[in-house]
């Protein structure tokens, strides 16, 4: 049987062209796969953004949202029961040899980290022989500067306290007779030690001195200088 002319040459040419034809057919498929791989992925609300470098997400495309630091809890205010005992008085406006005490409430408010306000409203009474003086005392402006010594659970602090204005309104009577009003103004300072455990606190002022400089009655006013030494303790809760 005779072979067809040019048959062997045709087969050789087809074998040579087969790899080129396969490459031309695979090129469009490969180009589409590359384009799909480089396209940005949609944001998944549940999973967030894809990691940088994966799926075309680059550091320039990742939006970093800063998380603000947690705010410290609001500082509480303190309310406690105060007891004060006068040790000694001397000076122009003093009453030597008398016994004086005060009982009432003290409120402490934090003003930032380094200062806190002390406000006191107490019942004050004095007895000097047949003369009795009873009324109330107001610490209108007192600033404390606590210096921490130890942390939780038992918080200890040393606190210098500056009393700018302390006022007393008293009613003076002698042998249960008619009374007359009396007003006194003082300023001073104290060195206190405070302790706080959970919601309870305790403040003691072993060293406290006030300077009395004005005394007013309905009939006259007296100015001078007197020193009043006292001790004070306060126990209460934080709110």
C-alpha atoms as a PDB file:
ATOM      1  CA  UNK A   1       0.000   0.000   0.000  1.00  0.00           C
ATOM      2  CA  UNK A   2       1.394   3.394  -0.962  1.00  0.00           C
ATOM      3  CA  UNK A   3       1.528   6.206   1.686  1.00  0.00           C
ATOM      4  CA  UNK A   4      -0.130   9.515   0.998  1.00  0.00           C
ATOM      5  CA  UNK A   5       2.231  12.211  -0.242  1.00  0.00           C
ATOM      6  CA  UNK A   6       3.316  14.582   2.541  1.00  0.00           C
ATOM      7  CA  UNK A   7       1.717  12.476   5.361  1.00  0.00           C
ATOM      8  CA  UNK A   8       4.858  12.162   7.432  1.00  0.00           C
ATOM      9  CA  UNK A   9       5.662  15.863   7.158  1.00  0.00           C
ATOM     10  CA  UNK A  10       2.099  16.739   8.279  1.00  0.00           C
ATOM     11  CA  UNK A  11       2.383  14.666  11.413  1.00  0.00           C
ATOM     12  CA  UNK A  12       5.717  16.198  12.309  1.00  0.00           C
ATOM     13  CA  UNK A  13       4.394  19.756  11.881  1.00  0.00           C
ATOM     14  CA  UNK A  14       1.331  18.969  14.054  1.00  0.00           C
ATOM     15  CA  UNK A  15       3.503  17.591  16.835  1.00  0.00           C
ATOM     16  CA  UNK A  16       5.648  20.714  16.761  1.00  0.00           C
ATOM     17  CA  UNK A  17       2.667  23.095  16.892  1.00  0.00           C
ATOM     18  CA  UNK A  18       0.759  21.284  19.701  1.00  0.00           C
ATOM     19  CA  UNK A  19       2.677  22.909  22.665  1.00  0.00           C
ATOM     20  CA  UNK A  20       2.176  26.373  21.175  1.00  0.00           C
ATOM     21  CA  UNK A  21      -1.550  25.847  20.764  1.00  0.00           C
ATOM     22  CA  UNK A  22      -1.878  24.608  24.385  1.00  0.00           C
ATOM     23  CA  UNK A  23      -0.020  27.704  25.670  1.00  0.00           C
ATOM     24  CA  UNK A  24      -2.246  30.069  23.691  1.00  0.00           C
ATOM     25  CA  UNK A  25      -5.371  28.395  25.096  1.00  0.00           C
ATOM     26  CA  UNK A  26      -4.102  28.500  28.763  1.00  0.00           C
ATOM     27  CA  UNK A  27      -2.988  32.145  28.661  1.00  0.00           C
ATOM     28  CA  UNK A  28      -6.500  33.681  29.019  1.00  0.00           C
ATOM     29  CA  UNK A  29      -7.337  31.321  31.885  1.00  0.00           C
ATOM     30  CA  UNK A  30      -4.121  32.199  33.746  1.00  0.00           C
ATOM     31  CA  UNK A  31      -4.672  35.971  33.247  1.00  0.00           C
ATOM     32  CA  UNK A  32      -8.223  35.749  34.705  1.00  0.00           C
ATOM     33  CA  UNK A  33      -7.006  33.847  37.774  1.00  0.00           C
ATOM     34  CA  UNK A  34      -4.307  36.480  38.451  1.00  0.00           C
ATOM     35  CA  UNK A  35      -6.828  39.321  38.151  1.00  0.00           C
ATOM     36  CA  UNK A  36      -9.222  37.643  40.572  1.00  0.00           C
ATOM     37  CA  UNK A  37      -6.411  37.029  43.087  1.00  0.00           C
ATOM     38  CA  UNK A  38      -5.333  40.685  43.035  1.00  0.00           C
ATOM     39  CA  UNK A  39      -8.860  42.075  43.462  1.00  0.00           C
ATOM     40  CA  UNK A  40      -9.523  43.410  47.063  1.00  0.00           C
ATOM     41  CA  UNK A  41     -11.689  41.202  49.190  1.00  0.00           C
ATOM     42  CA  UNK A  42     -14.906  42.608  50.692  1.00  0.00           C
ATOM     43  CA  UNK A  43     -14.924  43.401  54.425  1.00  0.00           C
ATOM     44  CA  UNK A  44     -16.463  40.683  56.505  1.00  0.00           C
ATOM     45  CA  UNK A  45     -18.415  42.296  59.396  1.00  0.00           C
ATOM     46  CA  UNK A  46     -17.924  39.201  61.519  1.00  0.00           C
ATOM     47  CA  UNK A  47     -14.288  38.587  60.728  1.00  0.00           C
ATOM     48  CA  UNK A  48     -13.024  42.118  60.113  1.00  0.00           C
ATOM     49  CA  UNK A  49     -10.362  42.954  57.531  1.00  0.00           C
ATOM     50  CA  UNK A  50      -8.172  40.252  55.969  1.00  0.00           C
ATOM     51  CA  UNK A  51      -4.633  40.099  57.324  1.00  0.00           C
ATOM     52  CA  UNK A  52      -2.110  42.427  55.647  1.00  0.00           C
ATOM     53  CA  UNK A  53      -0.506  40.878  52.579  1.00  0.00           C
ATOM     54  CA  UNK A  54      -3.272  38.316  52.055  1.00  0.00           C
ATOM     55  CA  UNK A  55      -5.763  38.732  49.235  1.00  0.00           C
ATOM     56  CA  UNK A  56      -4.258  42.034  48.060  1.00  0.00           C
ATOM     57  CA  UNK A  57      -4.736  43.887  51.391  1.00  0.00           C
ATOM     58  CA  UNK A  58      -1.649  46.038  51.937  1.00  0.00           C
ATOM     59  CA  UNK A  59      -0.731  48.146  54.978  1.00  0.00           C
ATOM     60  CA  UNK A  60      -1.874  51.252  53.059  1.00  0.00           C
ATOM     61  CA  UNK A  61      -5.355  49.758  52.669  1.00  0.00           C
ATOM     62  CA  UNK A  62      -5.772  48.665  56.302  1.00  0.00           C
ATOM     63  CA  UNK A  63      -7.459  51.336  58.436  1.00  0.00           C
ATOM     64  CA  UNK A  64      -6.197  51.255  62.030  1.00  0.00           C
ATOM     65  CA  UNK A  65      -8.795  52.544  64.505  1.00  0.00           C
ATOM     66  CA  UNK A  66      -7.106  53.562  67.800  1.00  0.00           C
ATOM     67  CA  UNK A  67      -8.852  52.335  70.927  1.00  0.00           C
ATOM     68  CA  UNK A  68      -8.881  54.997  73.657  1.00  0.00           C
ATOM     69  CA  UNK A  69      -7.510  53.893  77.015  1.00  0.00           C
ATOM     70  CA  UNK A  70      -9.981  52.855  79.638  1.00  0.00           C
ATOM     71  CA  UNK A  71     -11.110  55.804  81.735  1.00  0.00           C
ATOM     72  CA  UNK A  72     -10.401  55.505  85.463  1.00  0.00           C
ATOM     73  CA  UNK A  73     -13.484  55.141  87.612  1.00  0.00           C
ATOM     74  CA  UNK A  74     -14.748  58.371  89.160  1.00  0.00           C
ATOM     75  CA  UNK A  75     -13.227  59.123  92.511  1.00  0.00           C
ATOM     76  CA  UNK A  76     -15.704  58.697  95.358  1.00  0.00           C
ATOM     77  CA  UNK A  77     -16.573  61.248  97.982  1.00  0.00           C
ATOM     78  CA  UNK A  78     -16.215  60.469 101.657  1.00  0.00           C
ATOM     79  CA  UNK A  79     -18.695  61.115 104.431  1.00  0.00           C
ATOM     80  CA  UNK A  80     -17.806  60.418 108.026  1.00  0.00           C
ATOM     81  CA  UNK A  81     -18.563  61.065 111.685  1.00  0.00           C
ATOM     82  CA  UNK A  82     -16.097  63.512 113.259  1.00  0.00           C
ATOM     83  CA  UNK A  83     -15.180  64.010 116.900  1.00  0.00           C
ATOM     84  CA  UNK A  84     -12.916  66.905 117.979  1.00  0.00           C
ATOM     85  CA  UNK A  85     -11.512  67.682 121.416  1.00  0.00           C
ATOM     86  CA  UNK A  86      -9.786  70.982 122.251  1.00  0.00           C
ATOM     87  CA  UNK A  87      -6.627  70.436 124.281  1.00  0.00           C
ATOM     88  CA  UNK A  88      -5.479  73.971 125.087  1.00  0.00           C
ATOM     89  CA  UNK A  89      -6.123  77.633 124.232  1.00  0.00           C
ATOM     90  CA  UNK A  90      -3.972  80.694 124.713  1.00  0.00           C
ATOM     91  CA  UNK A  91      -3.956  84.262 123.443  1.00  0.00           C
ATOM     92  CA  UNK A  92      -6.118  87.375 123.406  1.00  0.00           C
ATOM     93  CA  UNK A  93      -9.362  85.668 122.329  1.00  0.00           C
ATOM     94  CA  UNK A  94      -8.856  82.376 124.154  1.00  0.00           C
ATOM     95  CA  UNK A  95     -10.788  80.930 127.099  1.00  0.00           C
ATOM     96  CA  UNK A  96      -8.193  79.232 129.279  1.00  0.00           C
ATOM     97  CA  UNK A  97      -9.123  76.291 131.416  1.00  0.00           C
ATOM     98  CA  UNK A  98     -12.348  75.448 129.598  1.00  0.00           C
ATOM     99  CA  UNK A  99     -13.360  72.115 128.042  1.00  0.00           C
ATOM    100  CA  UNK A 100     -14.512  72.175 124.417  1.00  0.00           C
ATOM    101  CA  UNK A 101     -15.691  69.388 122.110  1.00  0.00           C
ATOM    102  CA  UNK A 102     -17.390  69.043 118.726  1.00  0.00           C
ATOM    103  CA  UNK A 103     -19.313  66.222 117.033  1.00  0.00           C
ATOM    104  CA  UNK A 104     -20.713  66.212 113.511  1.00  0.00           C
ATOM    105  CA  UNK A 105     -20.232  65.276 109.878  1.00  0.00           C
ATOM    106  CA  UNK A 106     -17.255  65.701 107.593  1.00  0.00           C
ATOM    107  CA  UNK A 107     -17.430  65.505 103.797  1.00  0.00           C
ATOM    108  CA  UNK A 108     -14.338  64.970 101.649  1.00  0.00           C
ATOM    109  CA  UNK A 109     -14.379  65.644  97.894  1.00  0.00           C
ATOM    110  CA  UNK A 110     -11.546  64.740  95.537  1.00  0.00           C
ATOM    111  CA  UNK A 111     -10.139  67.525  93.359  1.00  0.00           C
ATOM    112  CA  UNK A 112      -7.829  65.751  90.916  1.00  0.00           C
ATOM    113  CA  UNK A 113      -5.054  63.504  92.174  1.00  0.00           C
ATOM    114  CA  UNK A 114      -3.153  65.814  94.495  1.00  0.00           C
ATOM    115  CA  UNK A 115      -5.874  67.644  96.432  1.00  0.00           C
ATOM    116  CA  UNK A 116      -9.201  67.094  98.113  1.00  0.00           C
ATOM    117  CA  UNK A 117     -11.669  69.410  99.820  1.00  0.00           C
ATOM    118  CA  UNK A 118     -12.779  68.959 103.440  1.00  0.00           C
ATOM    119  CA  UNK A 119     -16.126  70.381 104.515  1.00  0.00           C
ATOM    120  CA  UNK A 120     -17.382  69.930 108.081  1.00  0.00           C
ATOM    121  CA  UNK A 121     -20.622  70.782 109.851  1.00  0.00           C
ATOM    122  CA  UNK A 122     -20.446  69.923 113.557  1.00  0.00           C
ATOM    123  CA  UNK A 123     -22.093  70.754 116.851  1.00  0.00           C
ATOM    124  CA  UNK A 124     -19.671  72.602 119.137  1.00  0.00           C
ATOM    125  CA  UNK A 125     -19.999  73.154 122.865  1.00  0.00           C
ATOM    126  CA  UNK A 126     -17.793  74.710 125.547  1.00  0.00           C
ATOM    127  CA  UNK A 127     -18.024  74.883 129.314  1.00  0.00           C
ATOM    128  CA  UNK A 128     -16.006  77.353 131.342  1.00  0.00           C
ATOM    129  CA  UNK A 129     -17.277  77.356 134.935  1.00  0.00           C
ATOM    130  CA  UNK A 130     -20.830  78.811 134.935  1.00  0.00           C
ATOM    131  CA  UNK A 131     -20.503  80.013 131.307  1.00  0.00           C
ATOM    132  CA  UNK A 132     -21.682  77.678 128.550  1.00  0.00           C
ATOM    133  CA  UNK A 133     -21.247  78.236 124.804  1.00  0.00           C
ATOM    134  CA  UNK A 134     -23.153  76.006 122.385  1.00  0.00           C
ATOM    135  CA  UNK A 135     -23.674  76.203 118.655  1.00  0.00           C
ATOM    136  CA  UNK A 136     -22.176  74.869 115.476  1.00  0.00           C
ATOM    137  CA  UNK A 137     -18.878  75.044 113.612  1.00  0.00           C
ATOM    138  CA  UNK A 138     -18.357  75.238 109.851  1.00  0.00           C
ATOM    139  CA  UNK A 139     -15.162  74.366 107.980  1.00  0.00           C
ATOM    140  CA  UNK A 140     -15.980  76.328 104.856  1.00  0.00           C
ATOM    141  CA  UNK A 141     -12.695  76.014 102.981  1.00  0.00           C
ATOM    142  CA  UNK A 142     -10.163  73.311 103.867  1.00  0.00           C
ATOM    143  CA  UNK A 143      -7.705  71.811 101.394  1.00  0.00           C
ATOM    144  CA  UNK A 144      -5.917  68.521 101.933  1.00  0.00           C
ATOM    145  CA  UNK A 145      -2.889  67.216 100.025  1.00  0.00           C
ATOM    146  CA  UNK A 146      -2.713  63.422 100.542  1.00  0.00           C
ATOM    147  CA  UNK A 147       0.667  61.726 100.114  1.00  0.00           C
ATOM    148  CA  UNK A 148       0.170  57.958  99.495  1.00  0.00           C
ATOM    149  CA  UNK A 149       2.217  55.604 101.633  1.00  0.00           C
ATOM    150  CA  UNK A 150       0.805  52.213 100.614  1.00  0.00           C
ATOM    151  CA  UNK A 151      -1.684  50.900  98.064  1.00  0.00           C
ATOM    152  CA  UNK A 152      -4.647  48.534  98.068  1.00  0.00           C
ATOM    153  CA  UNK A 153      -6.111  46.717  99.868  1.00  0.00           C
ATOM    154  CA  UNK A 154      -5.143  48.994 102.802  1.00  0.00           C
ATOM    155  CA  UNK A 155      -4.469  52.500 101.506  1.00  0.00           C
ATOM    156  CA  UNK A 156      -2.448  54.658 103.864  1.00  0.00           C
ATOM    157  CA  UNK A 157      -1.664  58.341 103.332  1.00  0.00           C
ATOM    158  CA  UNK A 158      -0.175  61.292 105.178  1.00  0.00           C
ATOM    159  CA  UNK A 159      -2.231  64.414 104.495  1.00  0.00           C
ATOM    160  CA  UNK A 160      -1.349  68.006 105.379  1.00  0.00           C
ATOM    161  CA  UNK A 161      -4.604  69.989 105.655  1.00  0.00           C
ATOM    162  CA  UNK A 162      -4.806  73.755 105.277  1.00  0.00           C
ATOM    163  CA  UNK A 163      -7.910  75.302 106.858  1.00  0.00           C
ATOM    164  CA  UNK A 164      -8.404  78.671 105.202  1.00  0.00           C
ATOM    165  CA  UNK A 165     -11.727  79.604 106.795  1.00  0.00           C
ATOM    166  CA  UNK A 166     -13.297  78.056 109.897  1.00  0.00           C
ATOM    167  CA  UNK A 167     -16.286  79.744 111.495  1.00  0.00           C
ATOM    168  CA  UNK A 168     -18.154  79.197 114.745  1.00  0.00           C
ATOM    169  CA  UNK A 169     -21.605  80.502 115.637  1.00  0.00           C
ATOM    170  CA  UNK A 170     -22.306  80.041 119.347  1.00  0.00           C
ATOM    171  CA  UNK A 171     -24.936  81.035 121.894  1.00  0.00           C
ATOM    172  CA  UNK A 172     -23.479  82.054 125.261  1.00  0.00           C
ATOM    173  CA  UNK A 173     -25.397  81.659 128.511  1.00  0.00           C
ATOM    174  CA  UNK A 174     -24.431  81.933 132.197  1.00  0.00           C
ATOM    175  CA  UNK A 175     -26.123  79.773 134.821  1.00  0.00           C
ATOM    176  CA  UNK A 176     -28.938  78.958 132.376  1.00  0.00           C
ATOM    177  CA  UNK A 177     -29.736  82.651 132.027  1.00  0.00           C
ATOM    178  CA  UNK A 178     -30.506  84.578 128.833  1.00  0.00           C
ATOM    179  CA  UNK A 179     -28.174  83.822 125.949  1.00  0.00           C
ATOM    180  CA  UNK A 180     -26.373  86.091 123.515  1.00  0.00           C
ATOM    181  CA  UNK A 181     -24.917  85.208 120.126  1.00  0.00           C
ATOM    182  CA  UNK A 182     -21.230  85.008 119.369  1.00  0.00           C
ATOM    183  CA  UNK A 183     -19.342  84.507 116.102  1.00  0.00           C
ATOM    184  CA  UNK A 184     -15.667  83.576 115.760  1.00  0.00           C
ATOM    185  CA  UNK A 185     -13.380  83.244 112.733  1.00  0.00           C
ATOM    186  CA  UNK A 186     -10.273  81.057 112.636  1.00  0.00           C
ATOM    187  CA  UNK A 187      -7.687  79.668 110.232  1.00  0.00           C
ATOM    188  CA  UNK A 188      -5.155  76.907 110.744  1.00  0.00           C
ATOM    189  CA  UNK A 189      -3.617  73.685 109.571  1.00  0.00           C
ATOM    190  CA  UNK A 190      -3.341  70.043 110.597  1.00  0.00           C
ATOM    191  CA  UNK A 191      -1.245  66.987 109.842  1.00  0.00           C
ATOM    192  CA  UNK A 192      -3.551  63.998 109.309  1.00  0.00           C
ATOM    193  CA  UNK A 193      -3.047  60.292 108.746  1.00  0.00           C
ATOM    194  CA  UNK A 194      -5.747  58.505 106.735  1.00  0.00           C
ATOM    195  CA  UNK A 195      -6.445  54.826 106.092  1.00  0.00           C
ATOM    196  CA  UNK A 196      -8.966  53.363 103.636  1.00  0.00           C
ATOM    197  CA  UNK A 197     -10.027  49.732 103.307  1.00  0.00           C
ATOM    198  CA  UNK A 198     -12.649  48.861 100.683  1.00  0.00           C
ATOM    199  CA  UNK A 199     -15.514  51.288 101.367  1.00  0.00           C
ATOM    200  CA  UNK A 200     -14.414  52.374 104.862  1.00  0.00           C
ATOM    201  CA  UNK A 201     -11.967  55.105 105.832  1.00  0.00           C
ATOM    202  CA  UNK A 202     -10.458  56.529 108.997  1.00  0.00           C
ATOM    203  CA  UNK A 203      -8.757  59.915 109.489  1.00  0.00           C
ATOM    204  CA  UNK A 204      -6.910  61.025 112.609  1.00  0.00           C
ATOM    205  CA  UNK A 205      -5.401  64.478 113.192  1.00  0.00           C
ATOM    206  CA  UNK A 206      -2.963  64.141 116.105  1.00  0.00           C
ATOM    207  CA  UNK A 207      -1.506  67.570 115.392  1.00  0.00           C
ATOM    208  CA  UNK A 208      -3.933  70.423 114.719  1.00  0.00           C
ATOM    209  CA  UNK A 209      -3.635  74.131 115.445  1.00  0.00           C
ATOM    210  CA  UNK A 210      -6.015  77.001 114.653  1.00  0.00           C
ATOM    211  CA  UNK A 211      -5.458  80.747 114.919  1.00  0.00           C
ATOM    212  CA  UNK A 212      -8.449  82.789 116.095  1.00  0.00           C
ATOM    213  CA  UNK A 213      -8.285  86.354 114.851  1.00  0.00           C
ATOM    214  CA  UNK A 214     -11.832  87.779 115.064  1.00  0.00           C
ATOM    215  CA  UNK A 215     -14.702  87.564 117.541  1.00  0.00           C
ATOM    216  CA  UNK A 216     -18.054  89.285 116.974  1.00  0.00           C
ATOM    217  CA  UNK A 217     -21.075  89.913 119.172  1.00  0.00           C
ATOM    218  CA  UNK A 218     -24.116  92.133 118.702  1.00  0.00           C
ATOM    219  CA  UNK A 219     -22.560  94.871 120.791  1.00  0.00           C
ATOM    220  CA  UNK A 220     -18.863  94.716 119.903  1.00  0.00           C
ATOM    221  CA  UNK A 221     -16.155  93.138 117.771  1.00  0.00           C
ATOM    222  CA  UNK A 222     -12.746  92.031 119.011  1.00  0.00           C
ATOM    223  CA  UNK A 223      -9.664  91.233 116.997  1.00  0.00           C
ATOM    224  CA  UNK A 224      -6.537  89.536 118.269  1.00  0.00           C
ATOM    225  CA  UNK A 225      -4.504  86.390 118.010  1.00  0.00           C
ATOM    226  CA  UNK A 226      -5.104  83.089 119.803  1.00  0.00           C
ATOM    227  CA  UNK A 227      -3.850  79.547 119.367  1.00  0.00           C
ATOM    228  CA  UNK A 228      -6.194  76.579 119.755  1.00  0.00           C
ATOM    229  CA  UNK A 229      -4.687  73.088 119.915  1.00  0.00           C
ATOM    230  CA  UNK A 230      -6.969  70.120 119.250  1.00  0.00           C
ATOM    231  CA  UNK A 231      -7.139  66.479 118.158  1.00  0.00           C
ATOM    232  CA  UNK A 232      -9.708  65.038 115.793  1.00  0.00           C
ATOM    233  CA  UNK A 233     -10.822  61.651 114.477  1.00  0.00           C
ATOM    234  CA  UNK A 234     -13.202  60.806 111.624  1.00  0.00           C
ATOM    235  CA  UNK A 235     -14.604  57.440 110.588  1.00  0.00           C
ATOM    236  CA  UNK A 236     -16.975  56.865 107.703  1.00  0.00           C
ATOM    237  CA  UNK A 237     -17.622  55.391 104.268  1.00  0.00           C
ATOM    238  CA  UNK A 238     -16.785  56.090 100.641  1.00  0.00           C
ATOM    239  CA  UNK A 239     -19.660  56.647  98.194  1.00  0.00           C
END
